[in-house]
Amino acid sequence: MGKVLIMSIRPQPPIPPEGERSDFGPAGPLSTTDIQTLHTGLDVIRALGRIEKAVEVLERITNAHGERIQQLIQKTDRTDFALPIMENAIVRHAERMRALERVAHFGEFIIGSIAGASALVYLYYTLVRHASN
């Protein structure tokens, strides 16, 4: 699913009284509050680094999904282009099949007529031969 970003919170040391502060830092002594602020700033910087890495991962995933979507769009476009051609071919082939069926029925009629005529000629010659004998 998704990742949850968890920021660690360091326990903050208690703030010492004014007289117990150490004398270090460029402008004089740093208070515990200053050190806590620095720690908080470091925590924020670390969290931003993790967020930056997460954003990079999301960008790569988004790009990969974008490429897949583009491929699907191209396939859909090819299908949309080919579909009318296929439908037209189906209609033309159906018309040709109906024309061939008419020719086949006409051929059956012709063959049946020739067979009938042949039978009549055979009967005629058979009857004429028997009548002349």
Protein backbone atom coordinates (compact mmCIF):
# COMPACT_ATOMS: atom_id res chain seq x y z
CA MET A 1 0.00 0.00 0.00
CA GLY A 2 1.69 3.17 1.20
CA LYS A 3 4.60 4.01 3.40
CA VAL A 4 4.23 5.87 6.64
CA LEU A 5 6.90 8.39 7.49
CA ILE A 6 7.85 8.22 11.13
CA MET A 7 10.03 10.93 12.59
CA SER A 8 11.95 10.08 15.70
CA ILE A 9 11.67 12.50 18.55
CA ARG A 10 14.71 12.62 20.73
CA PRO A 11 14.18 13.17 24.40
CA GLN A 12 15.15 16.73 25.14
CA PRO A 13 17.45 17.34 28.08
CA PRO A 14 16.16 19.71 30.72
CA ILE A 15 17.15 23.34 30.34
CA PRO A 16 19.86 24.19 32.88
CA PRO A 17 19.68 27.46 34.79
CA GLU A 18 21.40 30.51 33.27
CA GLY A 19 24.57 30.20 35.31
CA GLU A 20 25.23 26.59 34.35
CA ARG A 21 25.39 27.09 30.59
CA SER A 22 28.64 26.20 28.83
CA ASP A 23 30.68 28.87 27.09
CA PHE A 24 30.97 27.59 23.53
CA GLY A 25 29.69 28.71 20.14
CA PRO A 26 30.60 31.61 17.87
CA ALA A 27 28.49 34.21 19.66
CA GLY A 28 28.96 32.95 23.11
CA PRO A 29 27.32 30.24 25.16
CA LEU A 30 24.66 28.02 23.54
CA SER A 31 21.65 27.35 25.63
CA THR A 32 19.95 23.98 25.87
CA THR A 33 17.13 25.50 23.89
CA ASP A 34 19.60 26.32 21.12
CA ILE A 35 20.89 22.75 21.16
CA GLN A 36 17.34 21.40 21.13
CA THR A 37 16.59 23.65 18.16
CA LEU A 38 19.69 22.32 16.37
CA HIS A 39 18.59 18.71 17.05
CA THR A 40 15.12 19.51 15.80
CA GLY A 41 16.64 21.11 12.69
CA LEU A 42 18.76 18.00 12.07
CA ASP A 43 15.67 15.80 12.50
CA VAL A 44 13.84 17.97 9.97
CA ILE A 45 16.77 17.73 7.51
CA ARG A 46 16.86 13.92 7.88
CA ALA A 47 13.09 13.74 7.37
CA LEU A 48 13.38 15.93 4.27
CA GLY A 49 16.03 13.56 2.92
CA ARG A 50 13.69 10.60 3.41
CA ILE A 51 10.84 12.56 1.83
CA GLU A 52 13.08 13.43 -1.13
CA LYS A 53 13.90 9.74 -1.65
CA ALA A 54 10.20 8.85 -1.38
CA VAL A 55 9.36 11.51 -3.97
CA GLU A 56 12.01 10.10 -6.33
CA VAL A 57 10.50 6.63 -5.98
CA LEU A 58 7.03 8.02 -6.61
CA GLU A 59 8.31 9.86 -9.71
CA ARG A 60 9.81 6.64 -11.09
CA ILE A 61 6.58 4.76 -10.41
CA THR A 62 4.53 7.55 -11.98
CA ASN A 63 6.74 7.55 -15.08
CA ALA A 64 6.44 3.76 -15.40
CA HIS A 65 2.66 3.99 -15.06
CA GLY A 66 2.60 6.84 -17.57
CA GLU A 67 4.50 4.70 -20.08
CA ARG A 68 2.09 1.80 -19.54
CA ILE A 69 -0.89 4.10 -19.97
CA GLN A 70 0.66 5.48 -23.18
CA GLN A 71 1.14 1.92 -24.49
CA LEU A 72 -2.51 1.12 -23.73
CA ILE A 73 -3.62 4.29 -25.50
CA GLN A 74 -1.58 3.32 -28.57
CA LYS A 75 -3.08 -0.19 -28.56
CA THR A 76 -6.55 1.29 -28.23
CA ASP A 77 -5.88 3.68 -31.10
CA ARG A 78 -4.71 0.79 -33.29
CA THR A 79 -7.82 -1.18 -32.35
CA ASP A 80 -10.06 1.81 -33.08
CA PHE A 81 -8.32 2.20 -36.45
CA ALA A 82 -8.59 -1.49 -37.35
CA LEU A 83 -12.16 -2.03 -36.18
CA PRO A 84 -13.93 -0.18 -39.04
CA ILE A 85 -11.70 -1.98 -41.56
CA MET A 86 -12.63 -5.34 -40.03
CA GLU A 87 -16.33 -4.45 -39.98
CA ASN A 88 -16.17 -3.41 -43.64
CA ALA A 89 -14.41 -6.67 -44.56
CA ILE A 90 -17.06 -8.68 -42.72
CA VAL A 91 -19.85 -6.89 -44.60
CA ARG A 92 -18.10 -7.47 -47.97
CA HIS A 93 -17.52 -11.15 -47.23
CA ALA A 94 -21.14 -11.60 -46.15
CA GLU A 95 -22.27 -10.06 -49.46
CA ARG A 96 -19.95 -12.39 -51.38
CA MET A 97 -21.28 -15.40 -49.44
CA ARG A 98 -24.87 -14.46 -50.31
CA ALA A 99 -23.87 -14.08 -53.98
CA LEU A 100 -22.18 -17.49 -53.91
CA GLU A 101 -25.29 -19.02 -52.32
CA ARG A 102 -27.41 -17.62 -55.19
CA VAL A 103 -24.94 -19.07 -57.73
CA ALA A 104 -25.01 -22.42 -55.91
CA HIS A 105 -28.82 -22.50 -55.94
CA PHE A 106 -28.83 -21.56 -59.62
CA GLY A 107 -26.26 -24.32 -60.29
CA GLU A 108 -28.45 -26.83 -58.45
CA PHE A 109 -31.38 -25.72 -60.58
CA ILE A 110 -29.34 -26.12 -63.81
CA ILE A 111 -28.01 -29.55 -62.76
CA GLY A 112 -31.49 -30.63 -61.77
CA SER A 113 -32.85 -29.39 -65.10
CA ILE A 114 -30.13 -31.20 -67.08
CA ALA A 115 -30.73 -34.38 -65.08
CA GLY A 116 -34.45 -34.10 -65.71
CA ALA A 117 -33.93 -33.44 -69.41
CA SER A 118 -31.50 -36.37 -69.63
CA ALA A 119 -34.05 -38.61 -67.97
CA LEU A 120 -36.73 -37.47 -70.43
CA VAL A 121 -34.41 -38.06 -73.41
CA TYR A 122 -33.52 -41.51 -72.06
CA LEU A 123 -37.18 -42.36 -71.55
CA TYR A 124 -38.06 -41.03 -74.97
CA TYR A 125 -35.40 -43.12 -76.73
CA THR A 126 -36.22 -46.15 -74.59
CA LEU A 127 -39.92 -45.87 -75.41
CA VAL A 128 -39.23 -45.18 -79.11
CA ARG A 129 -36.95 -48.23 -79.32
CA HIS A 130 -39.50 -50.42 -77.61
CA ALA A 131 -42.25 -49.08 -79.78
CA SER A 132 -40.22 -49.63 -82.95
CA ASN A 133 -39.26 -53.17 -81.95
